[in-house]
Amino acid sequence: MFTGLVERTGEINSVEPISGGTRIGVEMGNLAAEIAVGDSICTSGVCLTAVSVDNTTIYFDLSQQTLDVTNFDKLQVKGVVNLERSLRVGDRLGGHFLSGHVDDIGELLEIKANGDFSNYVFSAPSAMLPLMVDKGSIGVDGVSLTIAKLDDSGNFEVALIPETLQATNLGNMRVGDKVHLEADTLAKHVQRLLSYNTQS
């Protein structure tokens, strides 16, 4: 379980094919000293398990399933990802609950700059619309954000403060970039409950 509060960004320093998938190395700097093999790390919204530690580089294995449902099949060396360690019992929950299980892929459609602030407009697949509400939470590449505006076509807007733009990979994004989207877990449970009651 994660909160969507990114601890730092990391640079991809290796992408290697392995039998049945891909192994990536992520440069994590000082954060690597606090990570052990088996730890879960939210990596741009995807929950990955550390399989090897080499100084400040942490390695992760990506299964074909992960490659199929994320944009990690396009990962390249020097790419930047958002990083967050799993939530510990007793930690403050500053964002909202994220599982690191990607619901779908969105696209950055527009950047509205306003001084040091920016509003980003993303597309979301129609299947996610029932799980999104104005002023509700959404995970974008592992970042907990509040939906500032939502339309029926599936486009949504988020307002980004300078700290978010500097501390995450969102500040380096360009129109056309793809992002991992994760809907609020509570919304998924409500949708499931309503669906079950309707079927009954």
N, C-alpha and C. Protein backbone atom coordinates (compact mmCIF):
# COMPACT_ATOMS: atom_id res chain seq x y z
N MET A 1 0.85 -1.19 0.00
CA MET A 1 0.00 0.00 0.00
C MET A 1 0.89 1.24 0.00
N PHE A 2 0.47 2.25 -0.77
CA PHE A 2 1.24 3.48 -0.90
C PHE A 2 0.32 4.68 -0.70
N THR A 3 0.93 5.87 -0.66
CA THR A 3 0.14 7.09 -0.40
C THR A 3 0.11 8.03 -1.59
N GLY A 4 0.96 7.82 -2.58
CA GLY A 4 1.03 8.74 -3.71
C GLY A 4 1.88 9.96 -3.43
N LEU A 5 2.62 9.95 -2.30
CA LEU A 5 3.56 11.03 -2.01
C LEU A 5 4.95 10.55 -2.40
N VAL A 6 5.44 11.02 -3.51
CA VAL A 6 6.71 10.56 -4.08
C VAL A 6 7.87 10.98 -3.18
N GLU A 7 8.74 10.00 -2.87
CA GLU A 7 9.89 10.30 -2.02
C GLU A 7 11.03 10.91 -2.82
N ARG A 8 11.21 10.44 -4.03
CA ARG A 8 12.23 10.98 -4.91
C ARG A 8 12.02 10.39 -6.31
N THR A 9 12.71 10.93 -7.28
CA THR A 9 12.72 10.32 -8.61
C THR A 9 13.99 9.50 -8.76
N GLY A 10 13.95 8.56 -9.67
CA GLY A 10 15.12 7.74 -9.97
C GLY A 10 15.32 7.63 -11.47
N GLU A 11 16.56 7.46 -11.87
CA GLU A 11 16.87 7.34 -13.30
C GLU A 11 17.10 5.88 -13.66
N ILE A 12 16.50 5.46 -14.76
CA ILE A 12 16.71 4.11 -15.27
C ILE A 12 18.14 4.03 -15.82
N ASN A 13 18.93 3.08 -15.28
CA ASN A 13 20.30 2.96 -15.80
C ASN A 13 20.55 1.64 -16.53
N SER A 14 19.54 0.76 -16.56
CA SER A 14 19.67 -0.45 -17.37
C SER A 14 18.30 -1.03 -17.67
N VAL A 15 18.16 -1.56 -18.88
CA VAL A 15 16.94 -2.27 -19.31
C VAL A 15 17.42 -3.50 -20.06
N GLU A 16 17.25 -4.68 -19.44
CA GLU A 16 17.79 -5.91 -20.02
C GLU A 16 16.70 -6.97 -20.16
N PRO A 17 16.63 -7.63 -21.32
CA PRO A 17 15.68 -8.74 -21.45
C PRO A 17 16.11 -9.94 -20.62
N ILE A 18 15.16 -10.59 -19.97
CA ILE A 18 15.40 -11.84 -19.26
C ILE A 18 14.36 -12.83 -19.73
N SER A 19 14.52 -14.07 -19.38
CA SER A 19 13.58 -15.09 -19.82
C SER A 19 12.17 -14.78 -19.30
N GLY A 20 11.26 -14.49 -20.22
CA GLY A 20 9.87 -14.22 -19.86
C GLY A 20 9.56 -12.79 -19.48
N GLY A 21 10.55 -11.90 -19.55
CA GLY A 21 10.27 -10.53 -19.15
C GLY A 21 11.46 -9.60 -19.33
N THR A 22 11.54 -8.60 -18.45
CA THR A 22 12.59 -7.58 -18.54
C THR A 22 13.07 -7.24 -17.13
N ARG A 23 14.37 -7.00 -16.99
CA ARG A 23 14.93 -6.53 -15.72
C ARG A 23 15.41 -5.10 -15.91
N ILE A 24 14.99 -4.23 -14.98
CA ILE A 24 15.44 -2.84 -15.05
C ILE A 24 16.25 -2.50 -13.80
N GLY A 25 17.20 -1.59 -13.96
CA GLY A 25 17.96 -1.06 -12.84
C GLY A 25 17.60 0.40 -12.66
N VAL A 26 17.34 0.79 -11.42
CA VAL A 26 16.95 2.17 -11.13
C VAL A 26 17.93 2.77 -10.12
N GLU A 27 18.54 3.88 -10.49
CA GLU A 27 19.44 4.61 -9.60
C GLU A 27 18.61 5.36 -8.57
N MET A 28 18.82 5.03 -7.28
CA MET A 28 17.98 5.61 -6.24
C MET A 28 18.75 6.46 -5.23
N GLY A 29 20.03 6.63 -5.44
CA GLY A 29 20.79 7.47 -4.53
C GLY A 29 20.73 6.97 -3.10
N ASN A 30 20.59 7.89 -2.13
CA ASN A 30 20.60 7.54 -0.71
C ASN A 30 19.43 6.65 -0.31
N LEU A 31 18.34 6.70 -1.07
CA LEU A 31 17.17 5.89 -0.73
C LEU A 31 17.48 4.40 -0.83
N ALA A 32 18.43 4.03 -1.67
CA ALA A 32 18.76 2.63 -1.89
C ALA A 32 19.24 1.95 -0.60
N ALA A 33 19.88 2.71 0.29
CA ALA A 33 20.40 2.13 1.53
C ALA A 33 19.30 1.61 2.43
N GLU A 34 18.07 2.07 2.23
CA GLU A 34 16.94 1.66 3.07
C GLU A 34 16.06 0.62 2.38
N ILE A 35 16.53 0.05 1.27
CA ILE A 35 15.75 -0.92 0.52
C ILE A 35 16.46 -2.26 0.52
N ALA A 36 15.70 -3.32 0.77
CA ALA A 36 16.23 -4.68 0.79
C ALA A 36 15.53 -5.51 -0.27
N VAL A 37 16.15 -6.60 -0.67
CA VAL A 37 15.53 -7.52 -1.61
C VAL A 37 14.18 -7.97 -1.04
N GLY A 38 13.16 -7.93 -1.88
CA GLY A 38 11.81 -8.29 -1.46
C GLY A 38 10.92 -7.12 -1.13
N ASP A 39 11.51 -5.93 -0.96
CA ASP A 39 10.71 -4.75 -0.66
C ASP A 39 9.86 -4.34 -1.86
N SER A 40 8.68 -3.80 -1.57
CA SER A 40 7.80 -3.29 -2.63
C SER A 40 8.04 -1.79 -2.80
N ILE A 41 8.23 -1.38 -4.04
CA ILE A 41 8.47 0.03 -4.36
C ILE A 41 7.47 0.46 -5.43
N CYS A 42 6.75 1.53 -5.16
CA CYS A 42 5.87 2.09 -6.18
C CYS A 42 6.74 2.87 -7.16
N THR A 43 6.77 2.39 -8.40
CA THR A 43 7.66 2.95 -9.43
C THR A 43 6.80 3.54 -10.54
N SER A 44 6.64 4.86 -10.49
CA SER A 44 5.72 5.56 -11.41
C SER A 44 4.35 4.90 -11.43
N GLY A 45 3.87 4.56 -10.23
CA GLY A 45 2.52 4.04 -10.11
C GLY A 45 2.40 2.54 -10.21
N VAL A 46 3.52 1.83 -10.41
CA VAL A 46 3.51 0.38 -10.55
C VAL A 46 4.23 -0.24 -9.35
N CYS A 47 3.56 -1.14 -8.65
CA CYS A 47 4.18 -1.82 -7.51
C CYS A 47 5.15 -2.87 -8.02
N LEU A 48 6.44 -2.67 -7.75
CA LEU A 48 7.48 -3.59 -8.17
C LEU A 48 8.23 -4.13 -6.95
N THR A 49 8.78 -5.33 -7.09
CA THR A 49 9.53 -5.96 -6.00
C THR A 49 11.03 -5.90 -6.29
N ALA A 50 11.79 -5.40 -5.33
CA ALA A 50 13.25 -5.34 -5.49
C ALA A 50 13.81 -6.76 -5.51
N VAL A 51 14.56 -7.09 -6.57
CA VAL A 51 15.13 -8.43 -6.70
C VAL A 51 16.64 -8.44 -6.47
N SER A 52 17.26 -7.26 -6.51
CA SER A 52 18.70 -7.18 -6.31
C SER A 52 19.07 -5.75 -5.94
N VAL A 53 20.10 -5.63 -5.10
CA VAL A 53 20.61 -4.33 -4.68
C VAL A 53 22.10 -4.26 -4.98
N ASP A 54 22.51 -3.23 -5.70
CA ASP A 54 23.92 -3.05 -6.04
C ASP A 54 24.29 -1.60 -5.77
N ASN A 55 24.82 -1.35 -4.57
CA ASN A 55 25.12 0.02 -4.14
C ASN A 55 23.86 0.87 -4.20
N THR A 56 23.81 1.85 -5.09
CA THR A 56 22.64 2.73 -5.14
C THR A 56 21.67 2.37 -6.27
N THR A 57 21.90 1.22 -6.90
CA THR A 57 20.99 0.75 -7.95
C THR A 57 20.14 -0.40 -7.44
N ILE A 58 18.84 -0.29 -7.64
CA ILE A 58 17.91 -1.35 -7.27
C ILE A 58 17.36 -1.95 -8.57
N TYR A 59 17.31 -3.29 -8.60
CA TYR A 59 16.85 -3.98 -9.81
C TYR A 59 15.46 -4.57 -9.58
N PHE A 60 14.65 -4.52 -10.62
CA PHE A 60 13.29 -5.04 -10.59
C PHE A 60 13.06 -5.90 -11.84
N ASP A 61 12.32 -7.00 -11.66
CA ASP A 61 11.93 -7.83 -12.79
C ASP A 61 10.50 -7.49 -13.19
N LEU A 62 10.30 -7.25 -14.48
CA LEU A 62 8.98 -6.95 -15.03
C LEU A 62 8.47 -8.17 -15.79
N SER A 63 7.36 -8.73 -15.34
CA SER A 63 6.76 -9.87 -16.03
C SER A 63 6.08 -9.39 -17.31
N GLN A 64 5.71 -10.33 -18.16
CA GLN A 64 5.00 -9.96 -19.38
C GLN A 64 3.66 -9.31 -19.05
N GLN A 65 3.02 -9.78 -17.97
CA GLN A 65 1.76 -9.18 -17.53
C GLN A 65 1.94 -7.70 -17.22
N THR A 66 3.01 -7.37 -16.48
CA THR A 66 3.28 -5.97 -16.16
C THR A 66 3.55 -5.17 -17.42
N LEU A 67 4.31 -5.73 -18.33
CA LEU A 67 4.61 -5.02 -19.59
C LEU A 67 3.36 -4.82 -20.42
N ASP A 68 2.41 -5.75 -20.33
CA ASP A 68 1.18 -5.66 -21.13
C ASP A 68 0.24 -4.57 -20.64
N VAL A 69 0.20 -4.32 -19.33
CA VAL A 69 -0.80 -3.39 -18.77
C VAL A 69 -0.22 -2.04 -18.38
N THR A 70 1.07 -1.85 -18.60
CA THR A 70 1.71 -0.56 -18.31
C THR A 70 2.43 -0.05 -19.54
N ASN A 71 3.03 1.12 -19.43
CA ASN A 71 3.84 1.63 -20.54
C ASN A 71 5.32 1.33 -20.32
N PHE A 72 5.62 0.38 -19.41
CA PHE A 72 7.01 0.04 -19.13
C PHE A 72 7.68 -0.71 -20.27
N ASP A 73 6.92 -1.15 -21.26
CA ASP A 73 7.55 -1.75 -22.43
C ASP A 73 8.29 -0.70 -23.25
N LYS A 74 8.06 0.59 -22.91
CA LYS A 74 8.73 1.69 -23.62
C LYS A 74 9.86 2.30 -22.79
N LEU A 75 10.15 1.72 -21.62
CA LEU A 75 11.19 2.28 -20.77
C LEU A 75 12.55 2.31 -21.48
N GLN A 76 13.28 3.40 -21.26
CA GLN A 76 14.60 3.54 -21.85
C GLN A 76 15.59 4.02 -20.79
N VAL A 77 16.85 3.69 -21.00
CA VAL A 77 17.90 4.18 -20.12
C VAL A 77 17.87 5.71 -20.08
N LYS A 78 18.03 6.26 -18.90
CA LYS A 78 17.98 7.69 -18.60
C LYS A 78 16.56 8.19 -18.42
N GLY A 79 15.56 7.31 -18.59
CA GLY A 79 14.19 7.69 -18.26
C GLY A 79 14.06 7.92 -16.76
N VAL A 80 13.11 8.75 -16.36
CA VAL A 80 12.94 9.11 -14.95
C VAL A 80 11.61 8.56 -14.43
N VAL A 81 11.67 7.91 -13.26
CA VAL A 81 10.46 7.35 -12.65
C VAL A 81 10.28 7.90 -11.24
N ASN A 82 9.04 7.94 -10.79
CA ASN A 82 8.72 8.35 -9.43
C ASN A 82 8.85 7.16 -8.49
N LEU A 83 9.35 7.39 -7.27
CA LEU A 83 9.62 6.30 -6.34
C LEU A 83 8.99 6.58 -4.97
N GLU A 84 8.36 5.52 -4.43
CA GLU A 84 7.82 5.60 -3.08
C GLU A 84 7.88 4.22 -2.44
N ARG A 85 8.44 4.15 -1.23
CA ARG A 85 8.43 2.89 -0.50
C ARG A 85 7.03 2.62 0.05
N SER A 86 6.75 1.37 0.37
CA SER A 86 5.42 1.00 0.86
C SER A 86 5.16 1.65 2.22
N LEU A 87 3.88 1.89 2.48
CA LEU A 87 3.44 2.54 3.71
C LEU A 87 3.64 1.62 4.91
N ARG A 88 4.18 2.15 6.00
CA ARG A 88 4.33 1.38 7.22
C ARG A 88 3.17 1.69 8.16
N VAL A 89 2.80 0.71 8.97
CA VAL A 89 1.73 0.93 9.96
C VAL A 89 2.15 2.07 10.88
N GLY A 90 1.28 3.05 11.03
CA GLY A 90 1.58 4.20 11.88
C GLY A 90 2.06 5.41 11.11
N ASP A 91 2.42 5.23 9.82
CA ASP A 91 2.84 6.37 9.02
C ASP A 91 1.67 7.31 8.77
N ARG A 92 1.97 8.59 8.58
CA ARG A 92 0.94 9.54 8.21
C ARG A 92 0.52 9.29 6.76
N LEU A 93 -0.79 9.42 6.52
CA LEU A 93 -1.31 9.25 5.18
C LEU A 93 -1.58 10.63 4.59
N GLY A 94 -0.59 11.17 3.89
CA GLY A 94 -0.71 12.52 3.38
C GLY A 94 -1.43 12.61 2.05
N GLY A 95 -1.44 11.52 1.28
CA GLY A 95 -2.11 11.54 -0.01
C GLY A 95 -3.41 10.76 0.07
N HIS A 96 -3.49 9.64 -0.67
CA HIS A 96 -4.62 8.72 -0.54
C HIS A 96 -4.10 7.32 -0.81
N PHE A 97 -4.89 6.31 -0.47
CA PHE A 97 -4.42 4.94 -0.63
C PHE A 97 -4.24 4.58 -2.11
N LEU A 98 -3.04 4.10 -2.43
CA LEU A 98 -2.74 3.59 -3.76
C LEU A 98 -2.17 2.18 -3.61
N SER A 99 -2.55 1.29 -4.51
CA SER A 99 -2.08 -0.09 -4.43
C SER A 99 -0.88 -0.35 -5.34
N GLY A 100 -0.66 0.54 -6.30
CA GLY A 100 0.39 0.30 -7.28
C GLY A 100 -0.06 -0.65 -8.38
N HIS A 101 -1.37 -0.87 -8.49
CA HIS A 101 -1.94 -1.70 -9.55
C HIS A 101 -2.60 -0.77 -10.56
N VAL A 102 -2.00 -0.68 -11.73
CA VAL A 102 -2.44 0.28 -12.75
C VAL A 102 -3.79 -0.13 -13.32
N ASP A 103 -4.72 0.82 -13.35
CA ASP A 103 -6.04 0.56 -13.93
C ASP A 103 -6.04 0.75 -15.44
N ASP A 104 -5.33 1.76 -15.90
CA ASP A 104 -5.29 2.01 -17.34
C ASP A 104 -4.22 3.06 -17.66
N ILE A 105 -4.08 3.34 -18.93
CA ILE A 105 -3.09 4.31 -19.41
C ILE A 105 -3.80 5.58 -19.87
N GLY A 106 -3.29 6.72 -19.45
CA GLY A 106 -3.81 8.01 -19.90
C GLY A 106 -2.77 8.74 -20.73
N GLU A 107 -3.17 9.87 -21.28
CA GLU A 107 -2.26 10.67 -22.11
C GLU A 107 -2.34 12.13 -21.70
N LEU A 108 -1.19 12.79 -21.63
CA LEU A 108 -1.15 14.22 -21.34
C LEU A 108 -1.57 14.98 -22.60
N LEU A 109 -2.68 15.70 -22.49
CA LEU A 109 -3.24 16.41 -23.65
C LEU A 109 -2.84 17.87 -23.73
N GLU A 110 -2.67 18.50 -22.57
CA GLU A 110 -2.43 19.95 -22.56
C GLU A 110 -1.75 20.36 -21.27
N ILE A 111 -0.85 21.32 -21.37
CA ILE A 111 -0.21 21.93 -20.21
C ILE A 111 -0.57 23.40 -20.18
N LYS A 112 -1.20 23.84 -19.09
CA LYS A 112 -1.57 25.24 -18.93
C LYS A 112 -0.66 25.84 -17.86
N ALA A 113 0.37 26.53 -18.31
CA ALA A 113 1.32 27.11 -17.37
C ALA A 113 0.77 28.39 -16.78
N ASN A 114 1.02 28.59 -15.48
CA ASN A 114 0.61 29.81 -14.79
C ASN A 114 1.70 30.18 -13.79
N GLY A 115 2.72 30.88 -14.29
CA GLY A 115 3.87 31.18 -13.45
C GLY A 115 4.60 29.89 -13.09
N ASP A 116 4.83 29.66 -11.80
CA ASP A 116 5.50 28.44 -11.36
C ASP A 116 4.54 27.27 -11.21
N PHE A 117 3.26 27.53 -11.38
CA PHE A 117 2.24 26.50 -11.28
C PHE A 117 1.86 26.02 -12.68
N SER A 118 1.21 24.87 -12.75
CA SER A 118 0.70 24.37 -14.03
C SER A 118 -0.54 23.53 -13.81
N ASN A 119 -1.46 23.61 -14.76
CA ASN A 119 -2.59 22.70 -14.81
C ASN A 119 -2.37 21.75 -15.98
N TYR A 120 -2.48 20.46 -15.71
CA TYR A 120 -2.31 19.44 -16.74
C TYR A 120 -3.66 18.83 -17.07
N VAL A 121 -3.92 18.65 -18.35
CA VAL A 121 -5.13 17.98 -18.79
C VAL A 121 -4.75 16.61 -19.35
N PHE A 122 -5.36 15.56 -18.79
CA PHE A 122 -5.10 14.19 -19.22
C PHE A 122 -6.37 13.57 -19.79
N SER A 123 -6.18 12.61 -20.66
CA SER A 123 -7.29 11.77 -21.09
C SER A 123 -7.33 10.54 -20.20
N ALA A 124 -8.52 9.98 -20.04
CA ALA A 124 -8.68 8.72 -19.31
C ALA A 124 -9.64 7.84 -20.09
N PRO A 125 -9.40 6.55 -20.16
CA PRO A 125 -10.31 5.63 -20.86
C PRO A 125 -11.71 5.69 -20.27
N SER A 126 -12.71 5.46 -21.09
CA SER A 126 -14.11 5.58 -20.65
C SER A 126 -14.44 4.64 -19.49
N ALA A 127 -13.75 3.50 -19.41
CA ALA A 127 -14.03 2.55 -18.33
C ALA A 127 -13.71 3.12 -16.96
N MET A 128 -12.86 4.16 -16.92
CA MET A 128 -12.49 4.75 -15.63
C MET A 128 -13.44 5.86 -15.19
N LEU A 129 -14.27 6.34 -16.09
CA LEU A 129 -15.15 7.47 -15.78
C LEU A 129 -16.01 7.24 -14.54
N PRO A 130 -16.62 6.06 -14.37
CA PRO A 130 -17.46 5.87 -13.18
C PRO A 130 -16.68 5.92 -11.87
N LEU A 131 -15.36 5.82 -11.95
CA LEU A 131 -14.52 5.81 -10.75
C LEU A 131 -13.91 7.17 -10.45
N MET A 132 -14.28 8.18 -11.24
CA MET A 132 -13.69 9.50 -11.09
C MET A 132 -14.76 10.53 -10.77
N VAL A 133 -14.46 11.42 -9.83
CA VAL A 133 -15.39 12.49 -9.48
C VAL A 133 -14.62 13.79 -9.34
N ASP A 134 -15.31 14.89 -9.58
CA ASP A 134 -14.72 16.21 -9.41
C ASP A 134 -14.29 16.37 -7.95
N LYS A 135 -13.07 16.82 -7.73
CA LYS A 135 -12.44 17.00 -6.42
C LYS A 135 -12.09 15.67 -5.76
N GLY A 136 -12.21 14.56 -6.50
CA GLY A 136 -11.80 13.27 -5.98
C GLY A 136 -10.32 13.02 -6.23
N SER A 137 -9.82 11.91 -5.72
CA SER A 137 -8.40 11.58 -5.85
C SER A 137 -8.15 10.65 -7.02
N ILE A 138 -6.96 10.77 -7.61
CA ILE A 138 -6.53 9.88 -8.67
C ILE A 138 -5.01 9.76 -8.61
N GLY A 139 -4.50 8.59 -8.93
CA GLY A 139 -3.06 8.39 -9.01
C GLY A 139 -2.59 8.54 -10.44
N VAL A 140 -1.64 9.44 -10.67
CA VAL A 140 -1.07 9.66 -12.00
C VAL A 140 0.43 9.40 -11.92
N ASP A 141 0.87 8.31 -12.53
CA ASP A 141 2.27 7.90 -12.43
C ASP A 141 2.74 7.80 -10.98
N GLY A 142 1.82 7.32 -10.12
CA GLY A 142 2.16 7.13 -8.72
C GLY A 142 2.07 8.37 -7.86
N VAL A 143 1.57 9.49 -8.42
CA VAL A 143 1.44 10.74 -7.67
C VAL A 143 -0.02 10.92 -7.28
N SER A 144 -0.28 11.14 -6.00
CA SER A 144 -1.64 11.40 -5.53
C SER A 144 -2.05 12.81 -5.91
N LEU A 145 -3.09 12.90 -6.75
CA LEU A 145 -3.54 14.21 -7.23
C LEU A 145 -5.05 14.34 -7.04
N THR A 146 -5.51 15.59 -7.00
CA THR A 146 -6.93 15.88 -6.89
C THR A 146 -7.45 16.34 -8.25
N ILE A 147 -8.56 15.74 -8.66
CA ILE A 147 -9.18 16.12 -9.93
C ILE A 147 -9.81 17.50 -9.78
N ALA A 148 -9.29 18.47 -10.52
CA ALA A 148 -9.79 19.84 -10.44
C ALA A 148 -10.95 20.07 -11.38
N LYS A 149 -11.00 19.31 -12.47
CA LYS A 149 -12.08 19.46 -13.45
C LYS A 149 -12.21 18.15 -14.20
N LEU A 150 -13.44 17.76 -14.49
CA LEU A 150 -13.71 16.49 -15.15
C LEU A 150 -14.83 16.68 -16.14
N ASP A 151 -14.65 16.15 -17.37
CA ASP A 151 -15.75 16.24 -18.34
C ASP A 151 -16.19 14.84 -18.76
N ASP A 152 -17.33 14.77 -19.43
CA ASP A 152 -17.93 13.48 -19.77
C ASP A 152 -17.16 12.71 -20.82
N SER A 153 -16.22 13.37 -21.49
CA SER A 153 -15.44 12.69 -22.53
C SER A 153 -14.31 11.86 -21.91
N GLY A 154 -14.07 12.06 -20.62
CA GLY A 154 -13.00 11.31 -19.95
C GLY A 154 -11.76 12.13 -19.73
N ASN A 155 -11.77 13.40 -20.14
CA ASN A 155 -10.63 14.27 -19.87
C ASN A 155 -10.73 14.84 -18.46
N PHE A 156 -9.60 14.91 -17.77
CA PHE A 156 -9.62 15.50 -16.45
C PHE A 156 -8.41 16.41 -16.28
N GLU A 157 -8.56 17.39 -15.40
CA GLU A 157 -7.53 18.39 -15.18
C GLU A 157 -7.07 18.34 -13.74
N VAL A 158 -5.77 18.50 -13.54
CA VAL A 158 -5.20 18.56 -12.19
C VAL A 158 -4.34 19.81 -12.08
N ALA A 159 -4.34 20.41 -10.90
CA ALA A 159 -3.52 21.60 -10.64
C ALA A 159 -2.27 21.18 -9.90
N LEU A 160 -1.10 21.52 -10.45
CA LEU A 160 0.18 21.09 -9.88
C LEU A 160 0.92 22.28 -9.30
N ILE A 161 1.32 22.13 -8.03
CA ILE A 161 2.09 23.18 -7.37
C ILE A 161 3.56 23.01 -7.74
N PRO A 162 4.38 24.04 -7.53
CA PRO A 162 5.81 23.95 -7.89
C PRO A 162 6.52 22.76 -7.26
N GLU A 163 6.19 22.43 -6.00
CA GLU A 163 6.84 21.31 -5.32
C GLU A 163 6.60 20.00 -6.06
N THR A 164 5.37 19.77 -6.51
CA THR A 164 5.06 18.54 -7.25
C THR A 164 5.79 18.51 -8.59
N LEU A 165 5.85 19.64 -9.25
CA LEU A 165 6.54 19.70 -10.55
C LEU A 165 8.04 19.44 -10.40
N GLN A 166 8.62 19.86 -9.27
CA GLN A 166 10.06 19.69 -9.06
C GLN A 166 10.41 18.32 -8.49
N ALA A 167 9.53 17.76 -7.66
CA ALA A 167 9.86 16.53 -6.93
C ALA A 167 9.45 15.26 -7.65
N THR A 168 8.71 15.38 -8.75
CA THR A 168 8.25 14.21 -9.49
C THR A 168 8.64 14.33 -10.96
N ASN A 169 8.34 13.29 -11.72
CA ASN A 169 8.65 13.34 -13.14
C ASN A 169 7.62 14.12 -13.95
N LEU A 170 6.55 14.59 -13.28
CA LEU A 170 5.51 15.32 -14.00
C LEU A 170 6.04 16.62 -14.59
N GLY A 171 7.00 17.24 -13.90
CA GLY A 171 7.53 18.51 -14.38
C GLY A 171 8.28 18.39 -15.68
N ASN A 172 8.73 17.18 -16.04
CA ASN A 172 9.47 16.98 -17.29
C ASN A 172 8.61 16.44 -18.42
N MET A 173 7.33 16.24 -18.14
CA MET A 173 6.47 15.63 -19.16
C MET A 173 6.12 16.61 -20.28
N ARG A 174 5.83 16.03 -21.42
CA ARG A 174 5.43 16.79 -22.59
C ARG A 174 4.09 16.28 -23.10
N VAL A 175 3.38 17.13 -23.81
CA VAL A 175 2.10 16.72 -24.40
C VAL A 175 2.31 15.48 -25.26
N GLY A 176 1.45 14.50 -25.07
CA GLY A 176 1.56 13.23 -25.79
C GLY A 176 2.15 12.12 -24.96
N ASP A 177 2.78 12.46 -23.82
CA ASP A 177 3.34 11.44 -22.95
C ASP A 177 2.23 10.59 -22.33
N LYS A 178 2.51 9.31 -22.14
CA LYS A 178 1.57 8.39 -21.52
C LYS A 178 1.85 8.29 -20.03
N VAL A 179 0.79 8.09 -19.25
CA VAL A 179 0.92 7.97 -17.79
C VAL A 179 0.09 6.80 -17.29
N HIS A 180 0.52 6.25 -16.15
CA HIS A 180 -0.25 5.21 -15.48
C HIS A 180 -1.33 5.86 -14.62
N LEU A 181 -2.54 5.34 -14.71
CA LEU A 181 -3.65 5.86 -13.93
C LEU A 181 -4.15 4.80 -12.96
N GLU A 182 -4.40 5.22 -11.73
CA GLU A 182 -5.03 4.33 -10.75
C GLU A 182 -6.15 5.08 -10.05
N ALA A 183 -7.36 4.53 -10.17
CA ALA A 183 -8.53 5.14 -9.53
C ALA A 183 -8.49 4.92 -8.02
N ASP A 184 -9.25 5.73 -7.31
CA ASP A 184 -9.34 5.61 -5.86
C ASP A 184 -9.88 4.22 -5.49
N THR A 185 -9.18 3.55 -4.58
CA THR A 185 -9.57 2.20 -4.15
C THR A 185 -10.99 2.17 -3.61
N LEU A 186 -11.39 3.20 -2.87
CA LEU A 186 -12.74 3.24 -2.31
C LEU A 186 -13.78 3.28 -3.42
N ALA A 187 -13.49 4.00 -4.49
CA ALA A 187 -14.42 4.07 -5.62
C ALA A 187 -14.59 2.70 -6.26
N LYS A 188 -13.52 1.92 -6.33
CA LYS A 188 -13.61 0.58 -6.91
C LYS A 188 -14.50 -0.33 -6.07
N HIS A 189 -14.37 -0.23 -4.76
CA HIS A 189 -15.18 -1.06 -3.88
C HIS A 189 -16.66 -0.69 -3.99
N VAL A 190 -16.94 0.60 -4.06
CA VAL A 190 -18.33 1.04 -4.22
C VAL A 190 -18.91 0.55 -5.54
N GLN A 191 -18.12 0.67 -6.62
CA GLN A 191 -18.58 0.19 -7.93
C GLN A 191 -18.87 -1.30 -7.89
N ARG A 192 -18.00 -2.07 -7.25
CA ARG A 192 -18.19 -3.51 -7.15
C ARG A 192 -19.44 -3.84 -6.33
N LEU A 193 -19.64 -3.13 -5.23
CA LEU A 193 -20.79 -3.38 -4.38
C LEU A 193 -22.09 -3.08 -5.12
N LEU A 194 -22.12 -1.95 -5.83
CA LEU A 194 -23.31 -1.59 -6.59
C LEU A 194 -23.59 -2.60 -7.69
N SER A 195 -22.53 -3.05 -8.35
CA SER A 195 -22.68 -4.04 -9.40
C SER A 195 -23.24 -5.34 -8.85
N TYR A 196 -22.75 -5.75 -7.69
CA TYR A 196 -23.20 -6.99 -7.07
C TYR A 196 -24.67 -6.88 -6.66
N ASN A 197 -25.05 -5.74 -6.08
CA ASN A 197 -26.44 -5.54 -5.65
C ASN A 197 -27.39 -5.53 -6.84
N THR A 198 -26.93 -4.95 -7.96
CA THR A 198 -27.76 -4.90 -9.17
C THR A 198 -27.99 -6.30 -9.72
N GLN A 199 -26.94 -7.13 -9.70
CA GLN A 199 -27.05 -8.49 -10.21
C GLN A 199 -27.95 -9.34 -9.32
N SER A 200 -27.96 -9.02 -8.04
CA SER A 200 -28.77 -9.81 -7.09
C SER A 200 -30.25 -9.47 -7.24
